C-alpha atoms as a PDB file:
ATOM      1  CA  MET A   1       3.697   6.905 -24.020  1.00  0.00           C
ATOM      2  CA  GLN A   2       3.721   9.329 -26.908  1.00  0.00           C
ATOM      3  CA  SER A   3       1.131   9.672 -29.647  1.00  0.00           C
ATOM      4  CA  SER A   4       1.754  11.225 -33.028  1.00  0.00           C
ATOM      5  CA  THR A   5      -0.341  11.772 -36.119  1.00  0.00           C
ATOM      6  CA  TYR A   6       0.815  11.816 -39.720  1.00  0.00           C
ATOM      7  CA  ASP A   7      -1.545  13.433 -42.242  1.00  0.00           C
ATOM      8  CA  SER A   8      -1.260  10.987 -45.130  1.00  0.00           C
ATOM      9  CA  PRO A   9      -3.011  11.368 -48.487  1.00  0.00           C
ATOM     10  CA  LEU A  10      -5.299   8.520 -47.313  1.00  0.00           C
ATOM     11  CA  GLY A  11      -6.229  10.148 -44.025  1.00  0.00           C
ATOM     12  CA  PRO A  12      -4.583  10.495 -40.619  1.00  0.00           C
ATOM     13  CA  LEU A  13      -2.185   7.745 -39.580  1.00  0.00           C
ATOM     14  CA  TYR A  14      -1.915   7.385 -35.791  1.00  0.00           C
ATOM     15  CA  PHE A  15       1.283   6.290 -34.047  1.00  0.00           C
ATOM     16  CA  LEU A  16       2.000   5.247 -30.467  1.00  0.00           C
ATOM     17  CA  PHE A  17       5.534   5.153 -29.107  1.00  0.00           C
ATOM     18  CA  ASP A  18       6.790   3.679 -25.849  1.00  0.00           C
ATOM     19  CA  GLU A  19       9.661   6.063 -25.338  1.00  0.00           C
ATOM     20  CA  GLU A  20      11.372   5.942 -28.772  1.00  0.00           C
ATOM     21  CA  THR A  21      10.026   2.527 -29.771  1.00  0.00           C
ATOM     22  CA  LEU A  22       7.092   2.334 -32.170  1.00  0.00           C
ATOM     23  CA  VAL A  23       4.437   0.005 -30.761  1.00  0.00           C
ATOM     24  CA  TYR A  24       1.373   0.898 -32.828  1.00  0.00           C
ATOM     25  CA  ALA A  25       0.429   2.502 -36.169  1.00  0.00           C
ATOM     26  CA  SER A  26      -3.051   2.571 -37.709  1.00  0.00           C
ATOM     27  CA  PHE A  27      -5.525   4.643 -39.677  1.00  0.00           C
ATOM     28  CA  ASP A  28      -8.157   3.895 -36.995  1.00  0.00           C
ATOM     29  CA  ARG A  29      -7.957   6.359 -34.080  1.00  0.00           C
ATOM     30  CA  GLU A  30     -10.538   4.517 -31.944  1.00  0.00           C
ATOM     31  CA  HIS A  31      -8.707   1.228 -32.368  1.00  0.00           C
ATOM     32  CA  ALA A  32      -5.499   3.003 -31.336  1.00  0.00           C
ATOM     33  CA  LYS A  33      -7.174   4.130 -28.116  1.00  0.00           C
ATOM     34  CA  ASP A  34      -8.503   0.634 -27.398  1.00  0.00           C
ATOM     35  CA  TRP A  35      -5.133  -0.949 -28.167  1.00  0.00           C
ATOM     36  CA  ARG A  36      -3.337   1.471 -25.824  1.00  0.00           C
ATOM     37  CA  LYS A  37      -5.796   0.732 -23.013  1.00  0.00           C
ATOM     38  CA  LYS A  38      -5.219  -3.014 -23.472  1.00  0.00           C
ATOM     39  CA  TYR A  39      -1.411  -2.973 -23.531  1.00  0.00           C
ATOM     40  CA  PHE A  40      -0.618   0.195 -21.564  1.00  0.00           C
ATOM     41  CA  PRO A  41      -3.613   0.606 -19.228  1.00  0.00           C
ATOM     42  CA  MET A  42      -1.919   2.739 -16.589  1.00  0.00           C
ATOM     43  CA  THR A  43       0.127   4.905 -18.934  1.00  0.00           C
ATOM     44  CA  GLU A  44      -0.659   8.497 -19.777  1.00  0.00           C
ATOM     45  CA  THR A  45      -0.294   9.559 -23.385  1.00  0.00           C
ATOM     46  CA  ILE A  46       1.248  12.814 -24.490  1.00  0.00           C
ATOM     47  CA  SER A  47       0.974  14.137 -28.020  1.00  0.00           C
ATOM     48  CA  CYS A  48       4.171  14.942 -29.859  1.00  0.00           C
ATOM     49  CA  PRO A  49       5.159  15.368 -33.490  1.00  0.00           C
ATOM     50  CA  LEU A  50       6.954  12.686 -35.439  1.00  0.00           C
ATOM     51  CA  GLU A  51      10.660  13.254 -35.991  1.00  0.00           C
ATOM     52  CA  PRO A  52      11.363  15.075 -39.268  1.00  0.00           C
ATOM     53  CA  SER A  53      13.175  11.996 -40.620  1.00  0.00           C
ATOM     54  CA  GLN A  54      10.109   9.857 -39.861  1.00  0.00           C
ATOM     55  CA  VAL A  55       7.874  12.337 -41.686  1.00  0.00           C
ATOM     56  CA  GLU A  56      10.294  12.291 -44.621  1.00  0.00           C
ATOM     57  CA  ALA A  57      10.244   8.468 -44.725  1.00  0.00           C
ATOM     58  CA  LEU A  58       6.425   8.494 -44.797  1.00  0.00           C
ATOM     59  CA  ASN A  59       6.304  11.298 -47.392  1.00  0.00           C
ATOM     60  CA  THR A  60       8.646   9.278 -49.612  1.00  0.00           C
ATOM     61  CA  TYR A  61       6.460   6.178 -49.208  1.00  0.00           C
ATOM     62  CA  PHE A  62       3.303   8.029 -50.220  1.00  0.00           C
ATOM     63  CA  LEU A  63       5.136   9.213 -53.347  1.00  0.00           C
ATOM     64  CA  GLY A  64       5.406   5.546 -54.355  1.00  0.00           C
ATOM     65  CA  LYS A  65       8.863   4.637 -53.110  1.00  0.00           C
ATOM     66  CA  PRO A  66       9.656   1.876 -50.578  1.00  0.00           C
ATOM     67  CA  LEU A  67       9.209   2.825 -46.938  1.00  0.00           C
ATOM     68  CA  VAL A  68      12.472   2.788 -45.048  1.00  0.00           C
ATOM     69  CA  TRP A  69      11.639   2.767 -41.333  1.00  0.00           C
ATOM     70  CA  SER A  70      14.877   2.585 -39.368  1.00  0.00           C
ATOM     71  CA  TRP A  71      13.531   3.229 -35.876  1.00  0.00           C
ATOM     72  CA  PRO A  72      12.936   0.509 -33.297  1.00  0.00           C
ATOM     73  CA  LEU A  73       9.662  -1.444 -33.263  1.00  0.00           C
ATOM     74  CA  GLU A  74       8.159  -3.574 -30.530  1.00  0.00           C
ATOM     75  CA  LEU A  75       5.427  -5.986 -31.521  1.00  0.00           C
ATOM     76  CA  ARG A  76       2.941  -6.970 -28.837  1.00  0.00           C
ATOM     77  CA  GLY A  77       1.147 -10.234 -29.523  1.00  0.00           C
ATOM     78  CA  THR A  78       1.309 -13.986 -29.168  1.00  0.00           C
ATOM     79  CA  PRO A  79       4.304 -15.976 -30.423  1.00  0.00           C
ATOM     80  CA  PHE A  80       2.179 -17.199 -33.371  1.00  0.00           C
ATOM     81  CA  GLN A  81       1.120 -13.654 -34.271  1.00  0.00           C
ATOM     82  CA  LYS A  82       4.743 -12.503 -34.153  1.00  0.00           C
ATOM     83  CA  ARG A  83       5.759 -15.327 -36.507  1.00  0.00           C
ATOM     84  CA  VAL A  84       3.008 -14.289 -38.937  1.00  0.00           C
ATOM     85  CA  TRP A  85       4.005 -10.613 -38.727  1.00  0.00           C
ATOM     86  CA  ALA A  86       7.641 -11.556 -39.382  1.00  0.00           C
ATOM     87  CA  GLU A  87       6.485 -13.248 -42.614  1.00  0.00           C
ATOM     88  CA  VAL A  88       4.368 -10.238 -43.576  1.00  0.00           C
ATOM     89  CA  GLU A  89       7.353  -7.972 -43.003  1.00  0.00           C
ATOM     90  CA  LYS A  90       9.278  -9.936 -45.668  1.00  0.00           C
ATOM     91  CA  VAL A  91       6.819  -8.990 -48.431  1.00  0.00           C
ATOM     92  CA  ALA A  92       8.638  -6.416 -50.527  1.00  0.00           C
ATOM     93  CA  HIS A  93       7.285  -3.066 -51.666  1.00  0.00           C
ATOM     94  CA  GLY A  94       5.185  -3.548 -54.788  1.00  0.00           C
ATOM     95  CA  GLN A  95       4.690  -7.273 -54.145  1.00  0.00           C
ATOM     96  CA  THR A  96       1.837  -9.242 -52.613  1.00  0.00           C
ATOM     97  CA  THR A  97       1.400 -12.613 -50.975  1.00  0.00           C
ATOM     98  CA  THR A  98      -1.546 -14.652 -49.754  1.00  0.00           C
ATOM     99  CA  TYR A  99      -2.704 -15.846 -46.373  1.00  0.00           C
ATOM    100  CA  LYS A 100      -2.212 -19.369 -47.705  1.00  0.00           C
ATOM    101  CA  GLN A 101       1.395 -18.661 -48.722  1.00  0.00           C
ATOM    102  CA  ILE A 102       2.189 -17.248 -45.283  1.00  0.00           C
ATOM    103  CA  ALA A 103       0.686 -20.367 -43.690  1.00  0.00           C
ATOM    104  CA  THR A 104       2.757 -22.546 -46.027  1.00  0.00           C
ATOM    105  CA  ASN A 105       5.907 -20.588 -45.132  1.00  0.00           C
ATOM    106  CA  LEU A 106       5.111 -21.204 -41.446  1.00  0.00           C
ATOM    107  CA  ASN A 107       4.468 -24.902 -42.113  1.00  0.00           C
ATOM    108  CA  THR A 108       0.865 -24.745 -40.936  1.00  0.00           C
ATOM    109  CA  LYS A 109      -2.539 -25.284 -42.501  1.00  0.00           C
ATOM    110  CA  ALA A 110      -4.158 -22.812 -40.110  1.00  0.00           C
ATOM    111  CA  PHE A 111      -5.068 -20.319 -42.847  1.00  0.00           C
ATOM    112  CA  ARG A 112      -7.788 -18.656 -40.791  1.00  0.00           C
ATOM    113  CA  ALA A 113      -5.466 -18.245 -37.811  1.00  0.00           C
ATOM    114  CA  VAL A 114      -2.973 -16.617 -40.160  1.00  0.00           C
ATOM    115  CA  GLY A 115      -5.746 -14.311 -41.403  1.00  0.00           C
ATOM    116  CA  ARG A 116      -6.670 -13.348 -37.845  1.00  0.00           C
ATOM    117  CA  ALA A 117      -3.021 -12.683 -36.997  1.00  0.00           C
ATOM    118  CA  VAL A 118      -2.585 -10.513 -40.099  1.00  0.00           C
ATOM    119  CA  GLY A 119      -5.756  -8.671 -39.082  1.00  0.00           C
ATOM    120  CA  THR A 120      -4.369  -7.890 -35.625  1.00  0.00           C
ATOM    121  CA  ASN A 121      -1.105  -6.424 -36.930  1.00  0.00           C
ATOM    122  CA  PRO A 122      -0.448  -3.473 -34.591  1.00  0.00           C
ATOM    123  CA  ILE A 123       1.954  -1.633 -36.888  1.00  0.00           C
ATOM    124  CA  SER A 124       0.166  -0.973 -40.164  1.00  0.00           C
ATOM    125  CA  ILE A 125       2.164   0.072 -43.233  1.00  0.00           C
ATOM    126  CA  ILE A 126       5.522  -0.630 -41.543  1.00  0.00           C
ATOM    127  CA  ILE A 127       4.461  -4.282 -41.184  1.00  0.00           C
ATOM    128  CA  PRO A 128       2.735  -4.233 -44.602  1.00  0.00           C
ATOM    129  CA  CYS A 129      -0.418  -6.277 -43.981  1.00  0.00           C
ATOM    130  CA  HIS A 130      -2.088  -4.494 -46.907  1.00  0.00           C
ATOM    131  CA  ARG A 131       0.128  -6.658 -49.162  1.00  0.00           C
ATOM    132  CA  VAL A 132      -1.590  -9.858 -48.016  1.00  0.00           C
ATOM    133  CA  LEU A 133      -4.450 -11.041 -50.232  1.00  0.00           C
ATOM    134  CA  GLY A 134      -6.765 -13.994 -50.272  1.00  0.00           C
ATOM    135  CA  THR A 135      -6.064 -16.700 -52.845  1.00  0.00           C
ATOM    136  CA  ASP A 136      -9.052 -15.625 -54.940  1.00  0.00           C
ATOM    137  CA  TRP A 137     -10.343 -12.598 -53.072  1.00  0.00           C
ATOM    138  CA  PHE A 138      -8.992  -9.244 -51.928  1.00  0.00           C
ATOM    139  CA  GLY A 139      -8.814 -10.058 -48.223  1.00  0.00           C
ATOM    140  CA  GLY A 140      -9.476  -7.643 -45.399  1.00  0.00           C
ATOM    141  CA  TYR A 141      -7.773  -4.586 -44.003  1.00  0.00           C
ATOM    142  CA  GLY A 142      -8.312  -2.802 -40.701  1.00  0.00           C
ATOM    143  CA  GLY A 143      -7.989   0.570 -42.414  1.00  0.00           C
ATOM    144  CA  GLY A 144     -10.751  -0.317 -44.861  1.00  0.00           C
ATOM    145  CA  LEU A 145     -10.680  -2.101 -48.204  1.00  0.00           C
ATOM    146  CA  ASN A 146     -10.581   1.108 -50.226  1.00  0.00           C
ATOM    147  CA  ARG A 147      -7.505   2.237 -48.323  1.00  0.00           C
ATOM    148  CA  LYS A 148      -5.894  -1.201 -48.895  1.00  0.00           C
ATOM    149  CA  ARG A 149      -6.527  -0.851 -52.637  1.00  0.00           C
ATOM    150  CA  LEU A 150      -5.068   2.677 -52.616  1.00  0.00           C
ATOM    151  CA  LEU A 151      -1.957   1.564 -50.693  1.00  0.00           C
ATOM    152  CA  LEU A 152      -1.382  -1.133 -53.292  1.00  0.00           C
ATOM    153  CA  GLU A 153      -1.881   1.426 -56.070  1.00  0.00           C
ATOM    154  CA  ILE A 154       0.706   3.696 -54.417  1.00  0.00           C
ATOM    155  CA  GLU A 155       3.080   0.720 -54.572  1.00  0.00           C
ATOM    156  CA  ASN A 156       2.177   0.204 -58.252  1.00  0.00           C
ATOM    157  CA  VAL A 157       0.663  -3.240 -57.637  1.00  0.00           C
ATOM    158  CA  THR A 158      -1.538  -4.419 -60.478  1.00  0.00           C
ATOM    159  CA  LEU A 159      -4.434  -6.513 -59.246  1.00  0.00           C
ATOM    160  CA  PHE A 160      -6.011  -9.165 -61.407  1.00  0.00           C
ATOM    161  CA  PRO A 161      -9.228  -7.885 -63.021  1.00  0.00           C
ATOM    162  CA  ASN A 162     -11.247 -10.744 -61.524  1.00  0.00           C
ATOM    163  CA  LEU A 163      -9.995 -10.058 -57.974  1.00  0.00           C
ATOM    164  CA  ASN A 164     -12.769  -8.285 -56.071  1.00  0.00           C
ATOM    165  CA  ALA A 165     -11.147  -5.132 -54.769  1.00  0.00           C
END
């Protein structure tokens, strides 16, 4: 397992790769360690830099352009979580959706289960969970609500004035 760090304008972004496959990305280093222990308990981690093209893709994103991540991903989670993450992945740069809309798209009324699945997204930014909002509230974000707001600002998303951000 390889670990890499990208120094974003919003703080360090931590990546874990299983060989060349991205399995985890988050702003929370401690959560990254816990996640690795859960899914790769017997695996040693070596630190290595991101590929220059990966750094360039992230640099471009933080300049406000869509993130183009063309490297393999492997999502670890339940079948339901993977269905939710697939819906989240469809939300385009500069757009938002709601937990309720994702549930509707999945033909379920389990809004809270959708919220929990969004909250356990192991590949932040690439699977853009920051684009998921509550129907009349800002929603949560594992990287912190201020960081969620800033990610949306980077994507030029205008939030409604009455939405608590």
